Structure formats: structure tokens, C-alpha cells
N, C-alpha and C. Protein backbone atom coordinates (compact mmCIF):
# COMPACT_ATOMS: atom_id res chain seq x y z
N UNK A 1 -125.30 153.57 -117.34
CA UNK A 1 -124.45 154.47 -118.10
C UNK A 1 -123.13 153.82 -118.46
N UNK A 2 -122.85 152.67 -117.85
CA UNK A 2 -121.61 151.93 -118.11
C UNK A 2 -120.37 152.72 -117.70
N UNK A 3 -120.52 153.56 -116.67
CA UNK A 3 -119.39 154.33 -116.15
C UNK A 3 -119.72 154.85 -114.77
N UNK A 4 -118.71 155.23 -114.03
CA UNK A 4 -118.91 155.77 -112.69
C UNK A 4 -119.23 157.25 -112.75
N UNK A 5 -120.03 157.68 -111.80
CA UNK A 5 -120.30 159.11 -111.63
C UNK A 5 -119.08 159.70 -110.92
N UNK A 6 -118.55 160.83 -111.40
CA UNK A 6 -117.39 161.44 -110.73
C UNK A 6 -117.67 161.67 -109.25
N UNK A 7 -116.65 161.50 -108.44
CA UNK A 7 -116.84 161.51 -106.99
C UNK A 7 -117.45 162.81 -106.47
N UNK A 8 -117.05 163.96 -106.99
CA UNK A 8 -117.61 165.23 -106.51
C UNK A 8 -119.11 165.29 -106.79
N UNK A 9 -119.53 164.83 -107.96
CA UNK A 9 -120.96 164.87 -108.29
C UNK A 9 -121.72 163.77 -107.55
N UNK A 10 -121.11 162.62 -107.42
CA UNK A 10 -121.74 161.53 -106.67
C UNK A 10 -121.98 161.96 -105.22
N UNK A 11 -121.02 162.65 -104.63
CA UNK A 11 -121.18 163.16 -103.25
C UNK A 11 -122.33 164.15 -103.18
N UNK A 12 -122.43 165.03 -104.15
CA UNK A 12 -123.54 165.98 -104.21
C UNK A 12 -124.88 165.25 -104.26
N UNK A 13 -124.98 164.26 -105.12
CA UNK A 13 -126.24 163.51 -105.27
C UNK A 13 -126.59 162.74 -104.00
N UNK A 14 -125.62 162.17 -103.35
CA UNK A 14 -125.88 161.34 -102.18
C UNK A 14 -126.11 162.17 -100.91
N UNK A 15 -125.49 163.33 -100.83
CA UNK A 15 -125.60 164.14 -99.61
C UNK A 15 -126.64 165.25 -99.69
N UNK A 16 -126.93 165.73 -100.89
CA UNK A 16 -127.77 166.92 -101.01
C UNK A 16 -129.09 166.68 -101.72
N UNK A 17 -129.04 166.18 -102.92
CA UNK A 17 -130.27 166.06 -103.71
C UNK A 17 -130.06 165.13 -104.89
N UNK A 18 -131.13 164.48 -105.30
CA UNK A 18 -131.12 163.66 -106.51
C UNK A 18 -131.45 164.57 -107.69
N UNK A 19 -130.49 165.42 -108.03
CA UNK A 19 -130.72 166.43 -109.04
C UNK A 19 -131.22 167.70 -108.38
N UNK A 20 -131.19 168.79 -109.12
CA UNK A 20 -131.58 170.08 -108.55
C UNK A 20 -131.91 171.03 -109.69
N UNK A 21 -133.03 171.73 -109.55
CA UNK A 21 -133.41 172.78 -110.49
C UNK A 21 -133.31 174.11 -109.77
N UNK A 22 -132.46 175.00 -110.26
CA UNK A 22 -132.28 176.31 -109.64
C UNK A 22 -132.95 177.39 -110.47
N UNK A 23 -133.59 178.31 -109.77
CA UNK A 23 -134.21 179.47 -110.41
C UNK A 23 -135.15 179.04 -111.54
N UNK A 24 -136.12 178.20 -111.16
CA UNK A 24 -137.17 177.75 -112.08
C UNK A 24 -136.59 177.09 -113.33
N UNK A 25 -135.69 176.18 -113.15
CA UNK A 25 -134.99 175.39 -114.17
C UNK A 25 -134.02 176.21 -115.03
N UNK A 26 -133.66 177.41 -114.59
CA UNK A 26 -132.63 178.15 -115.32
C UNK A 26 -131.36 177.32 -115.39
N UNK A 27 -130.99 176.71 -114.27
CA UNK A 27 -129.83 175.82 -114.19
C UNK A 27 -130.29 174.52 -113.55
N UNK A 28 -130.05 173.42 -114.22
CA UNK A 28 -130.49 172.11 -113.74
C UNK A 28 -129.31 171.17 -113.58
N UNK A 29 -129.33 170.42 -112.49
CA UNK A 29 -128.39 169.34 -112.26
C UNK A 29 -129.18 168.06 -112.30
N UNK A 30 -128.74 167.12 -113.11
CA UNK A 30 -129.49 165.90 -113.37
C UNK A 30 -129.23 164.84 -112.33
N UNK A 31 -130.11 163.84 -112.27
CA UNK A 31 -129.99 162.77 -111.29
C UNK A 31 -130.58 161.47 -111.81
N UNK A 32 -131.00 160.62 -110.89
CA UNK A 32 -131.61 159.34 -111.23
C UNK A 32 -133.10 159.53 -111.42
N UNK A 33 -133.58 159.24 -112.59
CA UNK A 33 -135.01 159.33 -112.88
C UNK A 33 -135.56 157.92 -112.92
N UNK A 34 -136.55 157.65 -112.05
CA UNK A 34 -137.15 156.32 -111.98
C UNK A 34 -138.47 156.22 -112.72
N UNK A 35 -139.12 157.35 -112.93
CA UNK A 35 -140.45 157.33 -113.54
C UNK A 35 -140.59 158.49 -114.52
N UNK A 36 -141.33 158.26 -115.57
CA UNK A 36 -141.63 159.31 -116.53
C UNK A 36 -143.12 159.68 -116.49
N UNK A 37 -143.79 159.32 -115.40
CA UNK A 37 -145.21 159.62 -115.22
C UNK A 37 -145.40 161.13 -115.18
N UNK A 38 -146.39 161.62 -115.89
CA UNK A 38 -146.65 163.05 -115.95
C UNK A 38 -147.96 163.46 -115.28
N UNK A 39 -148.54 162.58 -114.48
CA UNK A 39 -149.80 162.93 -113.82
C UNK A 39 -149.55 164.00 -112.77
N UNK A 40 -150.58 164.74 -112.42
CA UNK A 40 -150.47 165.79 -111.43
C UNK A 40 -150.09 165.25 -110.05
N UNK A 41 -150.42 164.01 -109.80
CA UNK A 41 -150.12 163.39 -108.51
C UNK A 41 -148.69 162.86 -108.41
N UNK A 42 -148.02 162.75 -109.53
CA UNK A 42 -146.67 162.17 -109.55
C UNK A 42 -145.67 163.09 -108.84
N UNK A 43 -144.72 162.49 -108.18
CA UNK A 43 -143.65 163.24 -107.54
C UNK A 43 -142.68 163.70 -108.62
N UNK A 44 -142.35 164.99 -108.65
CA UNK A 44 -141.41 165.48 -109.67
C UNK A 44 -140.06 164.77 -109.54
N UNK A 45 -139.50 164.41 -110.66
CA UNK A 45 -138.20 163.74 -110.67
C UNK A 45 -137.22 164.58 -111.49
N UNK A 46 -135.93 164.38 -111.25
CA UNK A 46 -134.93 165.15 -111.99
C UNK A 46 -134.84 164.69 -113.44
N UNK A 47 -134.20 165.53 -114.24
CA UNK A 47 -133.85 165.09 -115.58
C UNK A 47 -132.83 163.97 -115.44
N UNK A 48 -132.74 163.09 -116.42
CA UNK A 48 -131.98 161.86 -116.32
C UNK A 48 -130.50 162.00 -116.69
N UNK A 49 -129.62 161.65 -115.74
CA UNK A 49 -128.19 161.58 -116.03
C UNK A 49 -127.89 160.56 -117.12
N UNK A 50 -128.62 159.46 -117.09
CA UNK A 50 -128.40 158.40 -118.07
C UNK A 50 -128.68 158.89 -119.49
N UNK A 51 -129.80 159.57 -119.68
CA UNK A 51 -130.13 160.10 -121.01
C UNK A 51 -129.05 161.07 -121.48
N UNK A 52 -128.66 161.94 -120.58
CA UNK A 52 -127.68 162.97 -120.91
C UNK A 52 -126.34 162.37 -121.30
N UNK A 53 -125.93 161.31 -120.63
CA UNK A 53 -124.61 160.74 -120.88
C UNK A 53 -124.59 159.62 -121.91
N UNK A 54 -125.73 159.07 -122.25
CA UNK A 54 -125.76 157.98 -123.24
C UNK A 54 -126.28 158.44 -124.59
N UNK A 55 -127.34 159.25 -124.60
CA UNK A 55 -128.02 159.55 -125.86
C UNK A 55 -127.96 161.01 -126.28
N UNK A 56 -127.66 161.91 -125.36
CA UNK A 56 -127.68 163.34 -125.68
C UNK A 56 -126.29 163.98 -125.62
N UNK A 57 -125.27 163.17 -125.75
CA UNK A 57 -123.91 163.70 -125.70
C UNK A 57 -123.64 164.55 -126.94
N UNK A 58 -123.05 165.72 -126.75
CA UNK A 58 -122.73 166.56 -127.91
C UNK A 58 -121.61 165.96 -128.74
N UNK A 59 -121.50 166.42 -129.98
CA UNK A 59 -120.40 165.97 -130.83
C UNK A 59 -119.08 166.33 -130.16
N UNK A 60 -118.08 165.66 -130.49
CA UNK A 60 -116.70 165.79 -130.00
C UNK A 60 -116.57 165.69 -128.48
N UNK A 61 -117.56 165.08 -127.81
CA UNK A 61 -117.45 164.83 -126.36
C UNK A 61 -116.48 163.67 -126.15
N UNK A 62 -115.45 163.92 -125.37
CA UNK A 62 -114.49 162.87 -125.07
C UNK A 62 -115.07 161.91 -124.05
N UNK A 63 -114.51 160.73 -123.97
CA UNK A 63 -114.98 159.72 -123.02
C UNK A 63 -114.88 160.22 -121.58
N UNK A 64 -113.93 161.09 -121.31
CA UNK A 64 -113.72 161.60 -119.95
C UNK A 64 -114.74 162.66 -119.55
N UNK A 65 -115.61 163.08 -120.46
CA UNK A 65 -116.61 164.11 -120.14
C UNK A 65 -117.86 163.44 -119.57
N UNK A 66 -118.20 163.81 -118.35
CA UNK A 66 -119.41 163.31 -117.70
C UNK A 66 -120.36 164.48 -117.56
N UNK A 67 -121.47 164.43 -118.28
CA UNK A 67 -122.42 165.53 -118.32
C UNK A 67 -123.32 165.50 -117.08
N UNK A 68 -123.44 166.66 -116.42
CA UNK A 68 -124.16 166.72 -115.15
C UNK A 68 -125.41 167.59 -115.19
N UNK A 69 -125.59 168.39 -116.23
CA UNK A 69 -126.77 169.26 -116.27
C UNK A 69 -126.62 170.32 -117.33
N UNK A 70 -127.35 171.41 -117.14
CA UNK A 70 -127.27 172.48 -118.11
C UNK A 70 -128.25 173.60 -117.86
N UNK A 71 -128.38 174.46 -118.84
CA UNK A 71 -129.18 175.67 -118.76
C UNK A 71 -130.42 175.55 -119.65
N UNK A 72 -131.52 176.00 -119.09
CA UNK A 72 -132.82 175.88 -119.76
C UNK A 72 -132.92 176.72 -121.03
N UNK A 73 -132.33 177.90 -121.04
CA UNK A 73 -132.54 178.82 -122.15
C UNK A 73 -132.24 178.21 -123.51
N UNK A 74 -131.07 177.60 -123.65
CA UNK A 74 -130.68 177.06 -124.95
C UNK A 74 -130.25 175.59 -124.88
N UNK A 75 -130.51 174.95 -123.74
CA UNK A 75 -130.15 173.55 -123.51
C UNK A 75 -128.64 173.31 -123.57
N UNK A 76 -127.87 174.37 -123.31
CA UNK A 76 -126.42 174.20 -123.20
C UNK A 76 -126.13 173.30 -122.01
N UNK A 77 -124.93 172.76 -121.95
CA UNK A 77 -124.63 171.69 -121.00
C UNK A 77 -123.44 172.02 -120.11
N UNK A 78 -123.39 171.30 -119.00
CA UNK A 78 -122.25 171.32 -118.09
C UNK A 78 -121.70 169.91 -117.99
N UNK A 79 -120.38 169.80 -117.96
CA UNK A 79 -119.78 168.47 -117.78
C UNK A 79 -118.55 168.56 -116.89
N UNK A 80 -118.27 167.44 -116.25
CA UNK A 80 -117.05 167.29 -115.46
C UNK A 80 -116.07 166.50 -116.32
N UNK A 81 -114.86 167.01 -116.45
CA UNK A 81 -113.81 166.25 -117.11
C UNK A 81 -113.21 165.35 -116.04
N UNK A 82 -113.46 164.05 -116.15
CA UNK A 82 -113.02 163.12 -115.12
C UNK A 82 -111.51 162.96 -115.07
N UNK A 83 -110.79 163.44 -116.07
CA UNK A 83 -109.33 163.38 -116.03
C UNK A 83 -108.74 164.33 -114.98
N UNK A 84 -109.40 165.49 -114.78
CA UNK A 84 -108.83 166.47 -113.85
C UNK A 84 -109.84 167.10 -112.89
N UNK A 85 -111.12 166.76 -112.99
CA UNK A 85 -112.14 167.27 -112.07
C UNK A 85 -112.67 168.65 -112.41
N UNK A 86 -112.19 169.23 -113.50
CA UNK A 86 -112.69 170.54 -113.89
C UNK A 86 -114.11 170.43 -114.45
N UNK A 87 -114.85 171.52 -114.36
CA UNK A 87 -116.22 171.57 -114.87
C UNK A 87 -116.25 172.56 -116.02
N UNK A 88 -117.01 172.23 -117.06
CA UNK A 88 -117.04 173.06 -118.25
C UNK A 88 -118.47 173.31 -118.73
N UNK A 89 -118.64 174.47 -119.33
CA UNK A 89 -119.88 174.88 -119.97
C UNK A 89 -119.67 174.74 -121.47
N UNK A 90 -120.66 174.15 -122.16
CA UNK A 90 -120.56 174.01 -123.61
C UNK A 90 -121.94 174.16 -124.23
N UNK A 91 -121.97 174.30 -125.52
CA UNK A 91 -123.23 174.39 -126.26
C UNK A 91 -123.95 173.04 -126.24
N UNK A 92 -125.19 173.04 -126.66
CA UNK A 92 -126.02 171.83 -126.65
C UNK A 92 -125.43 170.71 -127.48
N UNK A 93 -124.92 171.03 -128.65
CA UNK A 93 -124.47 169.98 -129.58
C UNK A 93 -122.97 170.00 -129.87
N UNK A 94 -122.22 170.75 -129.07
CA UNK A 94 -120.78 170.84 -129.28
C UNK A 94 -120.10 170.92 -127.92
N UNK A 95 -119.26 169.94 -127.60
CA UNK A 95 -118.64 169.85 -126.27
C UNK A 95 -117.42 170.74 -126.09
N UNK A 96 -117.12 171.58 -127.06
CA UNK A 96 -116.00 172.50 -126.89
C UNK A 96 -116.26 173.39 -125.68
N UNK A 97 -115.32 173.44 -124.75
CA UNK A 97 -115.48 174.23 -123.54
C UNK A 97 -115.49 175.72 -123.86
N UNK A 98 -116.53 176.40 -123.37
CA UNK A 98 -116.64 177.84 -123.54
C UNK A 98 -116.31 178.59 -122.25
N UNK A 99 -116.36 177.86 -121.14
CA UNK A 99 -116.07 178.43 -119.83
C UNK A 99 -115.76 177.27 -118.89
N UNK A 100 -114.83 177.47 -117.98
CA UNK A 100 -114.47 176.38 -117.08
C UNK A 100 -114.31 176.84 -115.64
N UNK A 101 -114.45 175.90 -114.74
CA UNK A 101 -114.24 176.09 -113.31
C UNK A 101 -113.29 175.00 -112.84
N UNK A 102 -112.59 175.23 -111.76
CA UNK A 102 -111.60 174.26 -111.29
C UNK A 102 -112.23 173.04 -110.63
N UNK A 103 -113.49 173.15 -110.17
CA UNK A 103 -114.14 172.03 -109.49
C UNK A 103 -115.66 172.18 -109.54
N UNK A 104 -116.37 171.10 -109.21
CA UNK A 104 -117.82 171.16 -109.14
C UNK A 104 -118.25 172.15 -108.05
N UNK A 105 -117.59 172.12 -106.91
CA UNK A 105 -117.93 173.01 -105.81
C UNK A 105 -117.79 174.47 -106.22
N UNK A 106 -116.68 174.81 -106.89
CA UNK A 106 -116.48 176.19 -107.36
C UNK A 106 -117.59 176.59 -108.33
N UNK A 107 -117.92 175.71 -109.26
CA UNK A 107 -118.94 176.03 -110.25
C UNK A 107 -120.29 176.27 -109.61
N UNK A 108 -120.74 175.38 -108.73
CA UNK A 108 -122.08 175.53 -108.17
C UNK A 108 -122.17 176.76 -107.27
N UNK A 109 -121.12 177.07 -106.53
CA UNK A 109 -121.12 178.27 -105.70
C UNK A 109 -121.14 179.54 -106.55
N UNK A 110 -120.27 179.61 -107.54
CA UNK A 110 -120.20 180.82 -108.35
C UNK A 110 -121.46 181.01 -109.19
N UNK A 111 -122.00 179.93 -109.72
CA UNK A 111 -123.22 180.06 -110.54
C UNK A 111 -124.44 180.40 -109.68
N UNK A 112 -124.52 179.86 -108.47
CA UNK A 112 -125.64 180.20 -107.59
C UNK A 112 -125.56 181.68 -107.20
N UNK A 113 -124.38 182.14 -106.88
CA UNK A 113 -124.21 183.57 -106.55
C UNK A 113 -124.56 184.45 -107.75
N UNK A 114 -124.06 184.10 -108.92
CA UNK A 114 -124.32 184.90 -110.12
C UNK A 114 -125.81 184.93 -110.44
N UNK A 115 -126.44 183.77 -110.45
CA UNK A 115 -127.86 183.71 -110.80
C UNK A 115 -128.74 184.41 -109.78
N UNK A 116 -128.35 184.39 -108.51
CA UNK A 116 -129.18 185.04 -107.48
C UNK A 116 -129.27 186.54 -107.70
N UNK A 117 -128.31 187.13 -108.41
CA UNK A 117 -128.38 188.57 -108.70
C UNK A 117 -129.31 188.87 -109.86
N UNK A 118 -129.74 187.84 -110.58
CA UNK A 118 -130.58 188.04 -111.77
C UNK A 118 -132.07 187.85 -111.49
N UNK A 119 -132.40 187.56 -110.22
CA UNK A 119 -133.79 187.33 -109.81
C UNK A 119 -134.08 188.15 -108.56
N UNK A 120 -135.34 188.61 -108.43
CA UNK A 120 -135.71 189.33 -107.21
C UNK A 120 -136.10 188.35 -106.11
N UNK A 121 -136.51 188.87 -104.96
CA UNK A 121 -136.83 188.02 -103.81
C UNK A 121 -138.05 187.13 -104.04
N UNK A 122 -138.87 187.45 -105.04
CA UNK A 122 -140.04 186.62 -105.35
C UNK A 122 -139.74 185.62 -106.47
N UNK A 123 -138.49 185.57 -106.90
CA UNK A 123 -138.10 184.62 -107.93
C UNK A 123 -138.37 185.08 -109.34
N UNK A 124 -138.68 186.35 -109.51
CA UNK A 124 -138.95 186.89 -110.84
C UNK A 124 -137.66 187.35 -111.48
N UNK A 125 -137.51 187.01 -112.75
CA UNK A 125 -136.30 187.38 -113.46
C UNK A 125 -136.17 188.87 -113.65
N UNK A 126 -134.96 189.38 -113.48
CA UNK A 126 -134.67 190.80 -113.67
C UNK A 126 -134.04 191.09 -115.02
N UNK A 127 -133.70 190.04 -115.75
CA UNK A 127 -133.06 190.18 -117.05
C UNK A 127 -133.76 189.24 -118.03
N UNK A 128 -133.62 189.48 -119.33
CA UNK A 128 -134.16 188.52 -120.30
C UNK A 128 -133.54 187.14 -120.09
N UNK A 129 -134.30 186.10 -120.40
CA UNK A 129 -133.87 184.73 -120.15
C UNK A 129 -132.51 184.40 -120.78
N UNK A 130 -132.22 184.95 -121.95
CA UNK A 130 -130.94 184.65 -122.61
C UNK A 130 -129.75 185.19 -121.82
N UNK A 131 -129.98 186.15 -120.93
CA UNK A 131 -128.90 186.71 -120.11
C UNK A 131 -128.57 185.85 -118.90
N UNK A 132 -129.26 184.72 -118.73
CA UNK A 132 -128.99 183.83 -117.59
C UNK A 132 -127.85 182.86 -117.85
N UNK A 133 -127.37 182.81 -119.08
CA UNK A 133 -126.24 181.93 -119.40
C UNK A 133 -124.96 182.49 -118.80
N UNK A 134 -123.99 181.66 -118.50
CA UNK A 134 -122.76 182.14 -117.84
C UNK A 134 -121.82 182.94 -118.74
N UNK A 135 -122.06 182.96 -120.04
CA UNK A 135 -121.22 183.78 -120.94
C UNK A 135 -122.11 184.64 -121.80
């Protein structure tokens, strides 16, 4: 990627998971993808941080924006502004911040809590898929 992963996200990847899909990919955090094998025997791998930060960057994304994942419904994205550590939600092709959090930790906690109210105990959605976005 020719850049460092922000420390808060790097800590998450190293301590918790190499990417994470929450609520059946409603919210995804990307990681290191080593294989693109699609056989049934293949171990599932996360979506690629490299692809997201090198080839799928939205227009007007500043150099300080490090994209970490997004939402399945409309492929909107999440990024960390490496200048101040804030996390932002934006559309798929436009990096204008539509919602922000003060840190990665605040974002993942608040989004996990919010999304858990939209699914029942069996993981079935209680709202239409478009209502899973944070705004």
C-alpha cells in the first residue's frame, strides 16, 4: 500500500482479527488477503485493505484517509483520518464525511451496539437492509 496502517487499526488487526465481517457482512473491516481461491475447501479471507486503499479510493480522498472497511448495502466506506485519528463514514465514490467518530474504538463499539438492535438472536434482520447504514 506504500503507507503505514494507522496504529489503532493495526492494533485491532494484530490483537483481534485479520478483518471482520459483522452481521453477515452488513459491516466489514478489511485485512490482509493472501488468496483469492473460491473453492469450498478454501479458508475464508477478509476483503483486501490493499485493494481498498490503492484501487478503490473514492474521489476527493485525501492522502491522510486510510480506508478500513464499509457497509454491504451500498458499498459505502469507513476511513481513518491519520491526521487526527477520527473515523468517518462516506459514500462509495465520494470521500466527503457524512458521519464521524472520535476514534476507531468509539466507532466499532457504537456501530456494534447499534447493529445488534437491528437483528434478532438468530441473526435475522429486523429492518430492511438499507436501514443498516449509520445514517
